Amino acid sequence: MKSNIYSTVIGTGSFIPSRKVPNDSFLKSQFYDESGNSLEKDNRYIVDKFKEITTIEERRYAEDEMVTSDLGYYAAKKALENSGIDPEELDYVIVAHNFGDVKKGSNRSDFVPSLAARIKARLKISNPSAVCYDIAFGCPGWIQAVIQADYYIRSGDATTALVIGSEVLSRVSDPHDRDSMIYSDGAGAVVLRGAPTDGESGILGHSSRSDALQYSHMLYMGGSYNINAESGDAIFLKMNGRKLYQYALTHVPQAMKDCLDKCNVSIEQVKKVLIHQANGKMDDAILKRFFALYGKDRSPELIMPMTISWLGNSSVATVPTLLDLIANDKIDDQQLSKGDIILMASVGAGMNINALVYKY
């Protein structure tokens, strides 16, 4: 390993669909429980309770003619433009997603060719040494792809990598499942380049864990809760929300601390926590438990910027989108300055958790 070479972010980009879907859009939905029974509470109560639990007020859906690779392409294009490099310099194009390209009305995943190959072709990158592939790792997929890119760069196998997180969850969520209100669409991307910074900037370290033996089925694919729905054999994203919430609160704070300890970084040095935008209340609880591990009590809003209230949960896209918005001063009172240390973390299907420490 080239210990003095660190992966630095030289460009960021994101694509936020223009189609806004407020909570009241679900007032006419027909919701059922997992047994196929219509929910007893009226939709006004369900929608209001949903906002109280998740803090989500609206989310973004892709336009009908767009698919996941389209969103990823636009985010990648912005990141490359922001970086100022020639795309032909790229050694890797890595795309994190979980469902491939799902066309409006089909509910079928299309993975061939890979989304990375589609995006590389659309970017008109002719260099055959720019290796492109996809990664499916649940919501932590983008961070995991960055971790892989960092290994390539630190080992000397690569100099520059484009890492994209893109997802269209609106087409794989069951319209008769109230959990569908959580999901949204979007994409984010970064360009990483190796530089001999000696730790003065770049990725300082990372860690990951997979608790598949006990928890692999907390997020899964299943049929519609409406047994009379004309969805045929279509399957939709499902989750065991209560158990997932408890799993996250139990394991994510410790994983974040373990990552800081591995990097020899103290909690006092961390300026911001960029956490996967899964559930506003859950993320707040995770941060409070994280500080409690250090015997501290710190208000979450001081260092943890959030976008979930207006963007919803776009899976692999939440963290890179959040990073891009902050880097380009698009979130009020949130900026990044040279020397700032940020901790990124995510949790999702698998169940997988990862964390990454970056010094600006």
Protein backbone atom coordinates (compact mmCIF):
# COMPACT_ATOMS: atom_id res chain seq x y z
CA MET A 1 0.00 0.00 0.00
CA LYS A 2 1.20 3.53 -0.78
CA SER A 3 0.68 4.94 2.69
CA ASN A 4 1.26 8.56 1.68
CA ILE A 5 -1.39 8.42 -1.08
CA TYR A 6 -4.88 9.44 0.01
CA SER A 7 -8.13 9.45 -1.96
CA THR A 8 -9.42 13.00 -2.21
CA VAL A 9 -12.75 14.26 -3.51
CA ILE A 10 -12.06 16.55 -6.46
CA GLY A 11 -15.63 16.80 -7.76
CA THR A 12 -19.21 16.25 -6.61
CA GLY A 13 -22.56 16.14 -8.37
CA SER A 14 -26.14 15.17 -7.76
CA PHE A 15 -29.41 14.86 -9.62
CA ILE A 16 -32.61 15.67 -7.74
CA PRO A 17 -35.74 14.91 -9.77
CA SER A 18 -38.02 17.90 -10.26
CA ARG A 19 -41.21 15.95 -9.54
CA LYS A 20 -42.29 16.76 -5.97
CA VAL A 21 -44.64 14.36 -4.17
CA PRO A 22 -46.03 15.83 -0.93
CA ASN A 23 -47.48 13.67 1.83
CA ASP A 24 -51.03 14.66 0.94
CA SER A 25 -50.59 12.79 -2.35
CA PHE A 26 -51.19 9.61 -0.34
CA LEU A 27 -54.52 10.66 1.15
CA LYS A 28 -56.41 8.69 -1.50
CA SER A 29 -54.21 5.59 -1.26
CA GLN A 30 -55.57 2.24 -0.12
CA PHE A 31 -53.27 0.89 2.57
CA TYR A 32 -53.25 -2.69 3.89
CA ASP A 33 -51.26 -4.59 6.49
CA GLU A 34 -49.07 -7.60 5.74
CA SER A 35 -52.06 -9.92 6.21
CA GLY A 36 -54.00 -8.15 3.49
CA ASN A 37 -56.38 -6.36 5.85
CA SER A 38 -57.32 -2.74 5.20
CA LEU A 39 -55.79 -0.43 7.83
CA GLU A 40 -58.37 0.73 10.36
CA LYS A 41 -57.08 4.29 10.72
CA ASP A 42 -58.06 6.84 8.07
CA ASN A 43 -55.42 8.15 5.72
CA ARG A 44 -55.19 11.57 7.32
CA TYR A 45 -54.14 9.92 10.57
CA ILE A 46 -51.74 7.57 8.75
CA VAL A 47 -50.09 10.39 6.80
CA ASP A 48 -49.78 12.68 9.82
CA LYS A 49 -48.38 9.87 11.96
CA PHE A 50 -45.92 9.03 9.21
CA LYS A 51 -44.59 12.59 9.19
CA GLU A 52 -44.30 12.56 12.99
CA ILE A 53 -42.26 9.33 12.93
CA THR A 54 -40.04 9.99 9.90
CA THR A 55 -40.02 13.85 9.57
CA ILE A 56 -40.69 13.37 5.83
CA GLU A 57 -42.99 16.01 4.31
CA GLU A 58 -42.32 15.34 0.63
CA ARG A 59 -40.10 13.30 -1.65
CA ARG A 60 -38.93 13.34 -5.28
CA TYR A 61 -39.91 10.88 -8.01
CA ALA A 62 -38.20 10.43 -11.36
CA GLU A 63 -40.03 11.58 -14.46
CA ASP A 64 -41.83 8.76 -16.27
CA GLU A 65 -39.33 8.52 -19.12
CA MET A 66 -36.27 8.33 -16.82
CA VAL A 67 -34.62 5.29 -15.24
CA THR A 68 -31.89 4.84 -12.63
CA SER A 69 -28.99 5.03 -15.09
CA ASP A 70 -30.37 8.33 -16.40
CA LEU A 71 -30.30 9.87 -12.94
CA GLY A 72 -26.83 8.44 -12.36
CA TYR A 73 -25.57 9.85 -15.66
CA TYR A 74 -26.68 13.40 -14.84
CA ALA A 75 -25.11 13.23 -11.36
CA ALA A 76 -21.89 11.83 -12.85
CA LYS A 77 -21.77 14.48 -15.56
CA LYS A 78 -22.00 17.22 -12.92
CA ALA A 79 -19.32 15.59 -10.78
CA LEU A 80 -16.95 15.32 -13.73
CA GLU A 81 -17.58 18.93 -14.74
CA ASN A 82 -17.00 20.01 -11.15
CA SER A 83 -13.73 18.07 -11.01
CA GLY A 84 -12.39 19.63 -14.19
CA ILE A 85 -10.73 16.40 -15.33
CA ASP A 86 -10.92 14.69 -18.70
CA PRO A 87 -13.27 11.69 -18.27
CA GLU A 88 -10.77 9.61 -20.28
CA GLU A 89 -8.48 9.79 -17.22
CA LEU A 90 -10.82 7.64 -15.14
CA ASP A 91 -9.57 4.25 -14.01
CA TYR A 92 -12.89 3.10 -12.52
CA VAL A 93 -16.58 3.88 -12.88
CA ILE A 94 -18.47 2.25 -10.02
CA VAL A 95 -22.25 2.51 -9.66
CA ALA A 96 -24.10 1.59 -6.48
CA HIS A 97 -27.78 0.70 -6.85
CA ASN A 98 -30.08 -2.18 -5.90
CA PHE A 99 -32.71 -2.58 -8.61
CA GLY A 100 -31.13 -1.72 -11.94
CA ASP A 101 -33.16 0.21 -14.48
CA VAL A 102 -36.87 -0.17 -13.75
CA LYS A 103 -39.11 1.33 -16.40
CA LYS A 104 -42.34 3.05 -15.48
CA GLY A 105 -45.10 0.45 -15.17
CA SER A 106 -42.90 -2.63 -15.54
CA ASN A 107 -41.55 -3.33 -12.02
CA ARG A 108 -38.83 -5.47 -13.65
CA SER A 109 -35.16 -4.93 -12.90
CA ASP A 110 -32.83 -4.53 -15.86
CA PHE A 111 -29.15 -5.13 -14.98
CA VAL A 112 -27.65 -6.08 -18.34
CA PRO A 113 -25.47 -4.39 -19.34
CA SER A 114 -24.42 -2.97 -16.00
CA LEU A 115 -25.55 0.54 -15.14
CA ALA A 116 -21.88 1.51 -14.94
CA ALA A 117 -21.40 0.38 -18.55
CA ARG A 118 -24.47 2.33 -19.65
CA ILE A 119 -23.29 5.49 -17.90
CA LYS A 120 -19.72 5.13 -19.19
CA ALA A 121 -21.07 4.78 -22.74
CA ARG A 122 -23.35 7.78 -22.33
CA LEU A 123 -20.43 9.83 -21.04
CA LYS A 124 -18.65 8.81 -24.29
CA ILE A 125 -15.62 7.47 -22.42
CA SER A 126 -13.64 5.40 -24.92
CA ASN A 127 -10.72 4.41 -22.65
CA PRO A 128 -10.99 0.60 -22.17
CA SER A 129 -8.89 0.87 -19.01
CA ALA A 130 -11.74 2.74 -17.32
CA VAL A 131 -13.20 -0.37 -15.70
CA CYS A 132 -16.90 -0.13 -14.98
CA TYR A 133 -19.05 -2.28 -12.70
CA ASP A 134 -22.00 -2.18 -10.31
CA ILE A 135 -22.31 -2.90 -6.62
CA ALA A 136 -25.45 -3.94 -4.71
CA PHE A 137 -24.99 -3.48 -0.96
CA GLY A 138 -28.30 -2.06 0.19
CA CYS A 139 -28.50 1.59 1.18
CA PRO A 140 -24.80 1.63 2.23
CA GLY A 141 -23.84 0.77 -1.37
CA TRP A 142 -22.40 4.16 -2.30
CA ILE A 143 -20.14 4.35 0.75
CA GLN A 144 -19.04 0.77 0.08
CA ALA A 145 -18.23 1.68 -3.53
CA VAL A 146 -16.13 4.60 -2.26
CA ILE A 147 -14.36 2.19 0.07
CA GLN A 148 -13.53 -0.07 -2.86
CA ALA A 149 -12.32 2.86 -4.94
CA ASP A 150 -10.12 3.96 -2.03
CA TYR A 151 -8.48 0.54 -1.92
CA TYR A 152 -7.73 0.71 -5.64
CA ILE A 153 -6.22 4.18 -5.27
CA ARG A 154 -4.23 3.48 -2.11
CA SER A 155 -2.80 0.29 -3.61
CA GLY A 156 -1.56 2.08 -6.71
CA ASP A 157 -3.96 0.19 -9.01
CA ALA A 158 -5.82 3.41 -9.85
CA THR A 159 -5.41 7.16 -9.75
CA THR A 160 -8.95 8.39 -10.42
CA ALA A 161 -12.41 6.92 -9.90
CA LEU A 162 -15.99 8.03 -10.49
CA VAL A 163 -18.35 6.67 -7.83
CA ILE A 164 -22.10 7.01 -8.34
CA GLY A 165 -25.10 6.17 -6.18
CA SER A 166 -28.42 6.12 -8.05
CA GLU A 167 -31.84 4.70 -7.25
CA VAL A 168 -35.46 4.82 -8.35
CA LEU A 169 -37.34 3.35 -5.41
CA SER A 170 -40.74 4.73 -6.40
CA ARG A 171 -41.18 1.87 -8.90
CA VAL A 172 -40.30 -0.98 -6.56
CA SER A 173 -42.43 0.14 -3.62
CA ASP A 174 -45.91 -1.26 -2.98
CA PRO A 175 -48.50 1.54 -3.30
CA HIS A 176 -50.66 -0.36 -0.79
CA ASP A 177 -47.94 -0.46 1.87
CA ARG A 178 -47.68 2.70 4.01
CA ASP A 179 -43.91 2.21 4.14
CA SER A 180 -43.89 3.21 0.46
CA MET A 181 -44.18 6.83 1.61
CA ILE A 182 -40.56 6.66 2.83
CA TYR A 183 -39.01 5.96 -0.56
CA SER A 184 -37.83 8.41 -3.19
CA ASP A 185 -35.58 8.71 -6.25
CA GLY A 186 -32.27 10.48 -6.82
CA ALA A 187 -28.57 10.21 -7.60
CA GLY A 188 -25.25 11.53 -6.31
CA ALA A 189 -21.64 11.12 -7.43
CA VAL A 190 -18.06 11.99 -6.59
CA VAL A 191 -14.75 11.92 -8.44
CA LEU A 192 -11.90 10.60 -6.30
CA ARG A 193 -8.24 11.14 -7.09
CA GLY A 194 -5.14 9.87 -5.31
CA ALA A 195 -2.75 12.48 -3.97
CA PRO A 196 0.28 12.39 -1.62
CA THR A 197 -1.41 14.37 1.14
CA ASP A 198 0.07 12.41 4.08
CA GLY A 199 -3.30 12.56 5.81
CA GLU A 200 -3.71 16.31 5.58
CA SER A 201 -6.79 15.66 3.42
CA GLY A 202 -8.67 12.73 1.91
CA ILE A 203 -10.12 9.46 3.18
CA LEU A 204 -8.53 8.63 6.53
CA GLY A 205 -10.18 5.24 6.93
CA HIS A 206 -13.37 3.22 6.91
CA SER A 207 -15.07 0.14 8.29
CA SER A 208 -17.94 -2.15 7.31
CA ARG A 209 -19.98 -4.99 8.78
CA SER A 210 -22.62 -7.42 7.52
CA ASP A 211 -25.03 -9.05 9.98
CA ALA A 212 -26.59 -11.43 7.48
CA LEU A 213 -27.01 -14.50 9.73
CA GLN A 214 -29.67 -12.95 11.97
CA TYR A 215 -30.88 -9.93 10.04
CA SER A 216 -30.74 -10.62 6.30
CA HIS A 217 -34.54 -10.68 5.94
CA MET A 218 -35.39 -7.37 7.59
CA LEU A 219 -35.52 -5.84 4.11
CA TYR A 220 -36.79 -8.15 1.39
CA MET A 221 -38.91 -8.39 -1.75
CA GLY A 222 -42.51 -9.59 -1.50
CA GLY A 223 -45.94 -9.38 -3.07
CA SER A 224 -48.36 -6.49 -2.70
CA TYR A 225 -50.24 -6.19 0.59
CA ASN A 226 -53.39 -5.75 -1.51
CA ILE A 227 -54.17 -9.34 -2.46
CA ASN A 228 -56.67 -8.10 -5.04
CA ALA A 229 -54.26 -5.74 -6.73
CA GLU A 230 -53.65 -6.32 -10.43
CA SER A 231 -49.90 -6.65 -9.97
CA GLY A 232 -49.54 -10.24 -11.11
CA ASP A 233 -46.33 -11.80 -9.83
CA ALA A 234 -44.64 -8.43 -9.25
CA ILE A 235 -42.62 -8.13 -6.06
CA PHE A 236 -42.02 -5.00 -4.03
CA LEU A 237 -39.56 -3.71 -1.44
CA LYS A 238 -40.68 -4.66 2.07
CA MET A 239 -39.21 -4.07 5.49
CA ASN A 240 -39.69 -5.04 9.10
CA GLY A 241 -39.63 -1.46 10.29
CA ARG A 242 -39.64 -1.94 14.05
CA LYS A 243 -36.87 -4.54 14.10
CA LEU A 244 -34.83 -2.54 11.59
CA TYR A 245 -35.15 0.56 13.78
CA GLN A 246 -33.91 -1.34 16.82
CA TYR A 247 -31.08 -2.95 14.86
CA ALA A 248 -29.90 0.45 13.63
CA LEU A 249 -29.99 2.01 17.10
CA THR A 250 -28.12 -0.95 18.56
CA HIS A 251 -25.34 -1.32 15.98
CA VAL A 252 -24.85 1.86 13.92
CA PRO A 253 -23.56 4.12 16.76
CA GLN A 254 -20.95 1.53 17.76
CA ALA A 255 -19.91 1.04 14.12
CA MET A 256 -19.41 4.80 13.81
CA LYS A 257 -17.28 4.87 16.96
CA ASP A 258 -15.29 1.84 15.81
CA CYS A 259 -14.47 3.67 12.58
CA LEU A 260 -13.27 6.78 14.41
CA ASP A 261 -11.18 4.65 16.76
CA LYS A 262 -9.65 2.83 13.79
CA CYS A 263 -8.67 6.20 12.31
CA ASN A 264 -7.40 7.57 15.64
CA VAL A 265 -9.87 10.44 15.39
CA SER A 266 -11.65 11.78 18.48
CA ILE A 267 -15.31 12.79 18.60
CA GLU A 268 -14.21 16.37 19.28
CA GLN A 269 -12.50 16.51 15.87
CA VAL A 270 -15.64 15.60 13.91
CA LYS A 271 -17.30 18.65 12.35
CA LYS A 272 -20.19 16.92 10.60
CA VAL A 273 -21.92 13.56 10.44
CA LEU A 274 -23.39 12.75 7.03
CA ILE A 275 -25.69 9.85 7.77
CA HIS A 276 -27.93 7.91 5.38
CA GLN A 277 -31.26 9.72 5.24
CA ALA A 278 -33.40 6.75 6.25
CA ASN A 279 -35.75 8.17 8.88
CA GLY A 280 -35.37 11.55 10.54
CA LYS A 281 -36.24 10.43 14.06
CA MET A 282 -34.10 7.29 13.74
CA ASP A 283 -31.08 9.28 12.54
CA ASP A 284 -31.45 11.68 15.48
CA ALA A 285 -31.61 8.73 17.88
CA ILE A 286 -28.53 7.16 16.28
CA LEU A 287 -26.52 10.35 16.74
CA LYS A 288 -27.60 10.73 20.37
CA ARG A 289 -26.54 7.15 21.11
CA PHE A 290 -23.29 7.77 19.24
CA PHE A 291 -22.45 10.72 21.50
CA ALA A 292 -23.57 8.72 24.53
CA LEU A 293 -20.83 6.18 23.78
CA TYR A 294 -18.41 9.00 24.56
CA GLY A 295 -20.34 10.10 27.62
CA LYS A 296 -21.47 13.23 25.82
CA ASP A 297 -24.80 14.88 25.12
CA ARG A 298 -24.77 17.02 22.00
CA SER A 299 -27.70 18.35 20.00
CA PRO A 300 -27.95 16.48 16.63
CA GLU A 301 -28.74 19.54 14.55
CA LEU A 302 -25.40 21.12 15.41
CA ILE A 303 -23.38 18.78 13.20
CA MET A 304 -25.84 16.53 11.32
CA PRO A 305 -27.39 18.23 8.26
CA MET A 306 -30.57 16.55 7.01
CA THR A 307 -32.43 16.44 3.70
CA ILE A 308 -34.97 13.70 4.38
CA SER A 309 -37.83 16.09 5.14
CA TRP A 310 -37.90 17.25 1.51
CA LEU A 311 -36.03 14.54 -0.40
CA GLY A 312 -37.16 11.37 1.38
CA ASN A 313 -35.08 8.18 1.41
CA SER A 314 -33.37 7.60 -1.95
CA SER A 315 -31.21 4.72 -0.65
CA VAL A 316 -27.66 4.83 -2.08
CA ALA A 317 -28.18 8.40 -3.28
CA THR A 318 -28.77 10.09 0.08
CA VAL A 319 -25.19 10.49 1.32
CA PRO A 320 -23.54 11.62 -1.97
CA THR A 321 -26.45 14.00 -2.62
CA LEU A 322 -26.07 15.47 0.86
CA LEU A 323 -22.32 15.85 0.36
CA ASP A 324 -22.80 17.60 -2.98
CA LEU A 325 -25.41 20.02 -1.61
CA ILE A 326 -23.17 21.01 1.29
CA ALA A 327 -20.05 21.28 -0.87
CA ASN A 328 -21.90 23.68 -3.16
CA ASP A 329 -23.48 25.78 -0.36
CA LYS A 330 -27.01 24.63 -1.16
CA ILE A 331 -28.03 23.89 2.43
CA ASP A 332 -28.52 26.84 4.75
CA ASP A 333 -25.90 27.25 7.47
CA GLN A 334 -23.93 24.20 6.29
CA GLN A 335 -20.47 24.66 4.83
CA LEU A 336 -17.27 22.66 4.62
CA SER A 337 -13.88 24.25 5.31
CA LYS A 338 -10.36 23.00 4.74
CA GLY A 339 -9.34 20.70 7.56
CA ASP A 340 -12.89 19.72 8.53
CA ILE A 341 -13.30 16.06 9.42
CA ILE A 342 -16.60 14.49 8.42
CA LEU A 343 -17.96 11.07 9.32
CA MET A 344 -20.20 9.36 6.79
CA ALA A 345 -22.31 6.37 7.79
CA SER A 346 -25.09 4.21 6.39
CA VAL A 347 -27.20 1.18 7.22
CA GLY A 348 -29.42 -0.96 5.03
CA ALA A 349 -30.42 -4.25 3.48
CA GLY A 350 -28.20 -7.17 4.24
CA MET A 351 -28.11 -6.01 6.99
CA ASN A 352 -25.05 -3.91 6.22
CA ILE A 353 -23.45 -0.99 8.02
CA ASN A 354 -20.46 1.09 7.01
CA ALA A 355 -18.71 4.27 8.01
CA LEU A 356 -15.99 6.45 6.49
CA VAL A 357 -13.86 9.28 7.84
CA TYR A 358 -12.88 12.07 5.45
CA LYS A 359 -10.71 15.14 6.04
CA TYR A 360 -11.43 18.11 3.79
